[in-house]
Amino acid sequence: MITTTTRQHTLRDHLPGRHTARTASSVEHQAMLASRLTARDKWLLALLHEHRVLTSFQIQDAAFPSDRSARQRLLDLHHWRAVSRFQPFRQLGSAPMHYVLGPAGAAVLAAEHGLEVKELGYRHDRAMGIAHNQRLAHTVGVNDFFTSLIARTRHSQASDALTAWWSESRCARHFGDLVIPDGYGRWHGTSREVEWFLEFDTGTESLTKVGRKLAGYARLAESTGIATPVLMWLPTTRREAGARTALARVHAGLDDPNSVPVATAAADLLDPATPHPSPAEAVWLPLTSARPGRASPRYSLADLANAWTGLAPPAGPGGEATEAEADDAAAPYRLPPPSPIPPRATPNRVARGEH
């Protein structure tokens, strides 16, 4: 029409469309993916299955050297329907792209473990449903906590490393009759390891409810005979101060307070201008001081175990997690937890040949 001007670039060939859900589950499509998916791609699919949703920033932190390389690979995975994506609405600015496991990715993951897709408990509409879930911000926040630790592991010159990361749903399957942590983690420091349950606070719950969570952890410690630290991550130091008052009140009333070591930290203690800020830094303040009568210092994650005298080191390579996951074989609706650290990237010359 005369009212619009046709530009040359609009006359170029059409870009190939995305594969349909039916095509993504076909034998031919799976055969194509077998020649194109790298070990890192499959690791990412397992991570998305475990933790439901990851943003483009989190995926870059966890597995890619740059924003450009992450965007390029995620575009390929999205085109192949290995992952699906959505972008939440924001009144100001734009949210990063959010990724979930796609139909073809679920088929690959199931086949790797000798299962049918339905045995993963996977449905694409449910995977995408998190886009409208009222706990989306909370889930993304928990995953941000752990992916920042993965980034610290990947870029640090020290031997510190995140060695375990469990999702809330995995914790619920094992401990849900007593308490449901937002996540379970394990950090390997220079001198020793520390494991913990995470309580991620966004500032929406009442402080009384935050404090009451300790009773569930006390019951878990009594049941397992293991004192596992509980780390409370809060949005601001002001919120942290109020939470510590509520936590101290409940903690003092426990039958055995030493069975529930608690430490708190706040996100605004981190400097966003530093490279790879993460909860591994010296931001953790134990609820009870190891030196009565003195102000307790803030500890790094690697040194946090030293804050509690008599805290036993985690048992075995996976501690409490190992006992709960004694059978590492995949079973219906349960896959072994993926390693939090990605495998080495495929060399560029091989990756180029895959496209």
Protein backbone atom coordinates (compact mmCIF):
# COMPACT_ATOMS: atom_id res chain seq x y z
CA MET A 1 0.00 0.00 0.00
CA ILE A 2 1.07 3.54 -0.68
CA THR A 3 0.75 4.38 3.01
CA THR A 4 3.56 1.97 3.94
CA THR A 5 7.04 1.57 2.56
CA THR A 6 8.39 -1.89 1.90
CA ARG A 7 11.97 -2.28 3.05
CA GLN A 8 14.40 -4.62 1.37
CA HIS A 9 15.14 -6.76 4.43
CA THR A 10 11.47 -7.76 4.63
CA LEU A 11 11.81 -9.48 1.25
CA ARG A 12 14.44 -11.92 2.40
CA ASP A 13 13.67 -15.60 2.69
CA HIS A 14 11.49 -16.62 5.59
CA LEU A 15 13.28 -17.91 8.64
CA PRO A 16 12.54 -21.58 9.36
CA GLY A 17 9.70 -21.96 11.82
CA ARG A 18 9.96 -23.70 15.18
CA HIS A 19 9.25 -27.39 15.31
CA THR A 20 5.77 -28.31 16.47
CA ALA A 21 5.22 -30.31 19.65
CA ARG A 22 4.38 -33.38 17.53
CA THR A 23 7.53 -32.98 15.45
CA ALA A 24 9.65 -32.42 18.59
CA SER A 25 8.72 -35.86 19.90
CA SER A 26 9.24 -37.64 16.59
CA VAL A 27 11.98 -40.20 16.00
CA GLU A 28 13.48 -38.04 13.26
CA HIS A 29 13.73 -35.00 15.52
CA GLN A 30 15.30 -37.01 18.33
CA ALA A 31 17.83 -38.41 15.85
CA MET A 32 18.69 -34.86 14.79
CA LEU A 33 19.16 -33.79 18.40
CA ALA A 34 21.50 -36.72 19.03
CA SER A 35 24.00 -35.12 16.66
CA ARG A 36 23.61 -31.58 17.97
CA LEU A 37 23.14 -31.58 21.75
CA THR A 38 26.36 -31.24 23.71
CA ALA A 39 27.03 -32.53 27.22
CA ARG A 40 26.49 -28.98 28.49
CA ASP A 41 23.12 -28.79 26.71
CA LYS A 42 21.96 -32.00 28.37
CA TRP A 43 23.21 -30.76 31.74
CA LEU A 44 21.13 -27.61 31.26
CA LEU A 45 18.04 -29.68 30.44
CA ALA A 46 18.51 -31.66 33.67
CA LEU A 47 18.96 -28.41 35.62
CA LEU A 48 15.74 -26.98 34.18
CA HIS A 49 13.87 -30.17 35.06
CA GLU A 50 15.15 -30.00 38.64
CA HIS A 51 14.71 -26.28 39.27
CA ARG A 52 11.76 -25.48 36.97
CA VAL A 53 12.86 -22.10 35.58
CA LEU A 54 16.10 -20.22 34.96
CA THR A 55 16.59 -16.76 33.50
CA SER A 56 19.01 -16.02 30.68
CA PHE A 57 21.28 -14.25 33.20
CA GLN A 58 21.30 -17.27 35.50
CA ILE A 59 22.08 -19.65 32.65
CA GLN A 60 24.96 -17.44 31.54
CA ASP A 61 26.30 -17.31 35.12
CA ALA A 62 26.04 -21.08 35.43
CA ALA A 63 27.45 -22.27 32.13
CA PHE A 64 28.55 -19.71 29.54
CA PRO A 65 31.54 -17.38 29.15
CA SER A 66 29.54 -14.48 27.72
CA ASP A 67 26.06 -13.12 27.12
CA ARG A 68 26.48 -13.56 23.36
CA SER A 69 27.38 -17.26 23.57
CA ALA A 70 24.50 -17.91 25.97
CA ARG A 71 21.95 -16.16 23.76
CA GLN A 72 23.18 -17.96 20.64
CA ARG A 73 22.95 -21.42 22.20
CA LEU A 74 19.62 -20.76 23.92
CA LEU A 75 18.21 -19.61 20.59
CA ASP A 76 19.23 -22.94 19.05
CA LEU A 77 17.77 -24.93 21.95
CA HIS A 78 14.54 -22.93 21.72
CA HIS A 79 14.29 -23.49 17.97
CA TRP A 80 14.73 -27.24 18.52
CA ARG A 81 12.08 -27.12 21.29
CA ALA A 82 14.58 -28.47 23.79
CA VAL A 83 13.66 -25.47 25.94
CA SER A 84 10.69 -23.11 26.01
CA ARG A 85 10.73 -19.49 27.12
CA PHE A 86 8.62 -16.58 28.29
CA GLN A 87 9.21 -13.00 29.38
CA PRO A 88 7.25 -11.76 32.43
CA PHE A 89 5.64 -8.33 32.30
CA ARG A 90 7.33 -5.45 34.09
CA GLN A 91 5.94 -1.94 34.47
CA LEU A 92 9.42 -0.45 34.20
CA GLY A 93 12.07 -1.86 31.89
CA SER A 94 11.98 -5.42 30.58
CA ALA A 95 12.46 -8.70 32.39
CA PRO A 96 15.07 -11.20 31.19
CA MET A 97 13.90 -14.17 29.19
CA HIS A 98 12.88 -17.08 31.41
CA TYR A 99 13.52 -20.67 30.27
CA VAL A 100 11.80 -23.95 31.15
CA LEU A 101 12.23 -27.50 29.88
CA GLY A 102 10.72 -27.98 26.42
CA PRO A 103 9.01 -31.07 24.92
CA ALA A 104 12.05 -32.25 22.96
CA GLY A 105 14.30 -31.64 25.97
CA ALA A 106 12.02 -33.73 28.17
CA ALA A 107 12.11 -36.55 25.61
CA VAL A 108 15.91 -36.46 25.57
CA LEU A 109 16.10 -36.42 29.35
CA ALA A 110 13.69 -39.33 29.69
CA ALA A 111 15.50 -41.40 27.05
CA GLU A 112 18.85 -40.85 28.78
CA HIS A 113 17.46 -42.45 31.93
CA GLY A 114 15.48 -45.21 30.23
CA LEU A 115 12.11 -43.67 31.06
CA GLU A 116 9.02 -42.49 29.20
CA VAL A 117 8.34 -38.75 29.19
CA LYS A 118 5.20 -39.28 31.29
CA GLU A 119 7.36 -41.00 33.91
CA LEU A 120 9.23 -37.72 34.42
CA GLY A 121 5.98 -36.17 35.55
CA TYR A 122 6.49 -33.68 32.71
CA ARG A 123 3.79 -31.82 30.83
CA HIS A 124 4.61 -28.82 28.70
CA ASP A 125 1.58 -26.82 29.83
CA ARG A 126 2.58 -27.36 33.47
CA ALA A 127 6.17 -26.36 32.75
CA MET A 128 5.00 -23.13 31.13
CA GLY A 129 2.44 -22.60 33.90
CA ILE A 130 5.14 -21.21 36.16
CA ALA A 131 4.95 -18.05 34.04
CA HIS A 132 1.71 -17.24 35.89
CA ASN A 133 2.59 -18.77 39.24
CA GLN A 134 2.46 -16.32 42.16
CA ARG A 135 5.70 -17.81 43.48
CA LEU A 136 7.65 -17.15 40.29
CA ALA A 137 9.69 -14.32 41.85
CA HIS A 138 10.50 -16.52 44.85
CA THR A 139 11.58 -19.47 42.68
CA VAL A 140 13.74 -17.21 40.51
CA GLY A 141 15.25 -15.66 43.64
CA VAL A 142 16.20 -19.06 45.09
CA ASN A 143 17.76 -20.06 41.77
CA ASP A 144 19.62 -16.75 41.65
CA PHE A 145 21.14 -17.59 45.05
CA PHE A 146 22.56 -20.86 43.78
CA THR A 147 23.55 -19.82 40.26
CA SER A 148 25.60 -16.96 41.73
CA LEU A 149 27.46 -19.61 43.75
CA ILE A 150 28.02 -21.61 40.55
CA ALA A 151 29.43 -18.47 38.91
CA ARG A 152 31.73 -17.93 41.91
CA THR A 153 32.88 -21.55 41.59
CA ARG A 154 33.58 -21.20 37.87
CA HIS A 155 35.48 -17.92 38.10
CA SER A 156 37.27 -18.25 41.44
CA GLN A 157 40.94 -19.16 41.63
CA ALA A 158 40.36 -20.83 45.01
CA SER A 159 39.28 -24.42 45.51
CA ASP A 160 35.90 -23.37 46.94
CA ALA A 161 33.02 -24.93 45.04
CA LEU A 162 29.30 -25.59 45.16
CA THR A 163 29.02 -29.38 45.23
CA ALA A 164 25.28 -29.94 45.76
CA TRP A 165 22.07 -28.10 44.92
CA TRP A 166 18.65 -29.54 45.59
CA SER A 167 15.37 -27.95 44.57
CA GLU A 168 12.45 -27.25 46.88
CA SER A 169 10.47 -30.10 45.29
CA ARG A 170 13.28 -32.60 45.97
CA CYS A 171 13.55 -31.38 49.57
CA ALA A 172 9.78 -31.74 49.92
CA ARG A 173 9.91 -35.37 48.79
CA HIS A 174 12.48 -36.22 51.46
CA PHE A 175 11.65 -33.91 54.36
CA GLY A 176 8.16 -32.60 53.55
CA ASP A 177 6.44 -34.33 56.45
CA LEU A 178 8.53 -32.19 58.82
CA VAL A 179 9.73 -29.12 56.93
CA ILE A 180 10.07 -27.90 53.33
CA PRO A 181 13.27 -25.90 52.77
CA ASP A 182 13.56 -23.67 49.72
CA GLY A 183 16.70 -25.59 48.78
CA TYR A 184 19.59 -27.68 50.01
CA GLY A 185 23.21 -26.83 49.23
CA ARG A 186 26.71 -27.88 49.99
CA TRP A 187 29.87 -25.76 49.74
CA HIS A 188 33.38 -27.18 49.64
CA GLY A 189 35.78 -24.77 51.31
CA THR A 190 39.54 -24.83 51.56
CA SER A 191 39.59 -26.52 54.97
CA ARG A 192 36.17 -28.16 55.29
CA GLU A 193 32.69 -28.49 53.84
CA VAL A 194 29.41 -27.05 55.03
CA GLU A 195 25.90 -28.12 54.07
CA TRP A 196 22.78 -26.12 54.68
CA PHE A 197 19.08 -25.71 54.15
CA LEU A 198 18.09 -22.41 52.57
CA GLU A 199 15.20 -20.22 53.60
CA PHE A 200 14.83 -17.48 50.99
CA ASP A 201 12.83 -14.51 52.24
CA THR A 202 11.38 -11.94 49.84
CA GLY A 203 9.93 -9.75 52.59
CA THR A 204 6.29 -10.79 52.09
CA GLU A 205 5.90 -13.20 55.02
CA SER A 206 5.34 -12.01 58.57
CA LEU A 207 8.45 -12.21 60.75
CA THR A 208 6.51 -14.38 63.21
CA LYS A 209 5.95 -16.96 60.46
CA VAL A 210 9.64 -16.79 59.52
CA GLY A 211 10.62 -17.58 63.11
CA ARG A 212 8.18 -20.47 63.42
CA LYS A 213 9.99 -22.36 60.66
CA LEU A 214 12.74 -23.29 63.13
CA ALA A 215 10.40 -25.68 64.94
CA GLY A 216 10.19 -27.83 61.80
CA TYR A 217 13.97 -27.91 61.46
CA ALA A 218 14.25 -28.93 65.11
CA ARG A 219 11.93 -31.88 64.46
CA LEU A 220 14.00 -32.84 61.41
CA ALA A 221 17.24 -32.72 63.42
CA GLU A 222 15.67 -34.86 66.14
CA SER A 223 14.47 -37.38 63.53
CA THR A 224 17.76 -37.66 61.62
CA GLY A 225 20.22 -37.02 64.43
CA ILE A 226 22.00 -34.52 62.15
CA ALA A 227 22.48 -30.84 62.94
CA THR A 228 22.22 -29.12 59.55
CA PRO A 229 22.65 -25.32 59.47
CA VAL A 230 19.70 -23.23 58.32
CA LEU A 231 20.67 -20.16 56.29
CA MET A 232 18.17 -17.31 56.07
CA TRP A 233 18.68 -15.02 53.08
CA LEU A 234 16.81 -11.72 53.39
CA PRO A 235 16.42 -8.74 51.05
CA THR A 236 17.75 -5.99 53.35
CA THR A 237 19.71 -5.61 56.58
CA ARG A 238 16.68 -3.86 58.08
CA ARG A 239 14.55 -6.92 57.38
CA GLU A 240 17.38 -9.09 58.67
CA ALA A 241 17.44 -7.26 62.02
CA GLY A 242 13.72 -7.87 62.53
CA ALA A 243 13.99 -11.48 61.45
CA ARG A 244 16.85 -12.15 63.85
CA THR A 245 14.71 -10.95 66.75
CA ALA A 246 11.88 -13.31 65.74
CA LEU A 247 14.29 -16.19 65.11
CA ALA A 248 16.12 -15.71 68.43
CA ARG A 249 12.84 -15.85 70.33
CA VAL A 250 11.87 -19.20 68.79
CA HIS A 251 15.40 -20.58 68.80
CA ALA A 252 15.84 -20.03 72.53
CA GLY A 253 12.68 -22.03 73.20
CA LEU A 254 13.77 -25.14 71.30
CA ASP A 255 14.49 -28.27 73.34
CA ASP A 256 17.98 -28.45 71.82
CA PRO A 257 18.95 -25.13 70.19
CA ASN A 258 22.37 -26.52 69.19
CA SER A 259 20.68 -28.99 66.85
CA VAL A 260 19.50 -26.11 64.64
CA PRO A 261 22.44 -23.79 63.80
CA VAL A 262 21.12 -20.61 62.17
CA ALA A 263 22.80 -17.80 60.26
CA THR A 264 21.33 -14.83 58.42
CA ALA A 265 22.49 -12.56 55.61
CA ALA A 266 21.01 -9.79 53.49
CA ALA A 267 21.24 -9.17 49.77
CA ASP A 268 22.09 -5.48 50.20
CA LEU A 269 25.38 -6.47 51.88
CA LEU A 270 26.69 -7.50 48.46
CA ASP A 271 28.32 -4.96 46.18
CA PRO A 272 26.78 -5.31 42.68
CA ALA A 273 29.79 -3.52 41.19
CA THR A 274 32.19 -6.34 42.13
CA PRO A 275 32.74 -9.26 39.76
CA HIS A 276 30.43 -12.19 40.53
CA PRO A 277 28.90 -11.09 43.87
CA SER A 278 27.48 -14.11 45.69
CA PRO A 279 26.43 -15.49 49.09
CA ALA A 280 29.91 -17.04 49.33
CA GLU A 281 31.19 -13.69 50.65
CA ALA A 282 31.58 -12.72 54.32
CA VAL A 283 27.94 -11.75 54.84
CA TRP A 284 26.71 -14.50 57.20
CA LEU A 285 25.90 -13.64 60.80
CA PRO A 286 25.27 -16.62 63.15
CA LEU A 287 22.21 -16.30 65.34
CA THR A 288 24.19 -17.34 68.42
CA SER A 289 27.76 -16.22 68.96
CA ALA A 290 30.54 -18.77 69.31
CA ARG A 291 32.17 -16.27 71.66
CA PRO A 292 29.63 -15.27 74.32
CA GLY A 293 29.89 -11.67 75.36
CA ARG A 294 31.41 -10.54 72.06
CA ALA A 295 29.81 -9.36 68.87
CA SER A 296 29.83 -12.17 66.34
CA PRO A 297 31.63 -11.40 63.07
CA ARG A 298 30.21 -11.99 59.62
CA TYR A 299 31.53 -15.19 58.08
CA SER A 300 32.10 -16.28 54.53
CA LEU A 301 30.27 -19.41 53.42
CA ALA A 302 33.54 -21.36 53.47
CA ASP A 303 34.23 -20.38 57.11
CA LEU A 304 30.66 -20.56 58.37
CA ALA A 305 31.04 -24.04 59.85
CA ASN A 306 33.61 -22.58 62.26
CA ALA A 307 30.92 -20.38 63.77
CA TRP A 308 29.36 -23.31 65.62
CA THR A 309 31.53 -25.29 68.00
CA GLY A 310 30.87 -29.00 67.84
CA LEU A 311 29.19 -28.95 64.42
CA ALA A 312 30.01 -32.29 62.82
CA PRO A 313 31.24 -32.22 59.21
CA PRO A 314 28.84 -33.57 56.60
CA ALA A 315 29.02 -37.34 56.28
CA GLY A 316 30.33 -38.75 53.01
CA PRO A 317 30.45 -36.98 49.65
CA GLY A 318 26.82 -35.95 49.82
CA GLY A 319 26.08 -35.92 53.54
CA GLU A 320 22.42 -36.07 54.35
CA ALA A 321 21.69 -35.95 50.63
CA THR A 322 23.62 -39.19 50.02
CA GLU A 323 21.58 -41.14 52.54
CA ALA A 324 18.31 -39.82 51.16
CA GLU A 325 19.37 -40.61 47.58
CA ALA A 326 20.96 -43.99 48.32
CA ASP A 327 19.69 -45.30 44.98
CA ASP A 328 21.06 -42.98 42.30
CA ALA A 329 19.24 -44.84 39.51
CA ALA A 330 16.45 -42.92 37.84
CA ALA A 331 12.93 -44.01 38.72
CA PRO A 332 9.49 -42.75 37.70
CA TYR A 333 9.05 -39.12 38.81
CA ARG A 334 12.54 -39.05 40.27
CA LEU A 335 15.87 -38.40 38.63
CA PRO A 336 19.16 -38.10 40.50
CA PRO A 337 20.04 -34.47 41.27
CA PRO A 338 22.20 -32.95 38.53
CA SER A 339 25.66 -31.73 39.37
CA PRO A 340 25.57 -27.96 40.04
CA ILE A 341 28.72 -27.48 37.96
CA PRO A 342 28.42 -27.82 34.17
CA PRO A 343 30.64 -30.09 32.10
CA ARG A 344 33.32 -28.52 29.95
CA ALA A 345 32.04 -26.68 26.89
CA THR A 346 32.38 -28.30 23.49
CA PRO A 347 35.29 -26.74 21.54
CA ASN A 348 34.17 -24.05 19.08
CA ARG A 349 35.35 -25.93 16.02
CA VAL A 350 33.10 -28.84 16.93
CA ALA A 351 30.20 -26.60 17.93
CA ARG A 352 30.33 -24.79 14.56
CA GLY A 353 30.06 -28.09 12.78
CA GLU A 354 26.87 -28.86 14.68
CA HIS A 355 24.90 -25.93 13.31
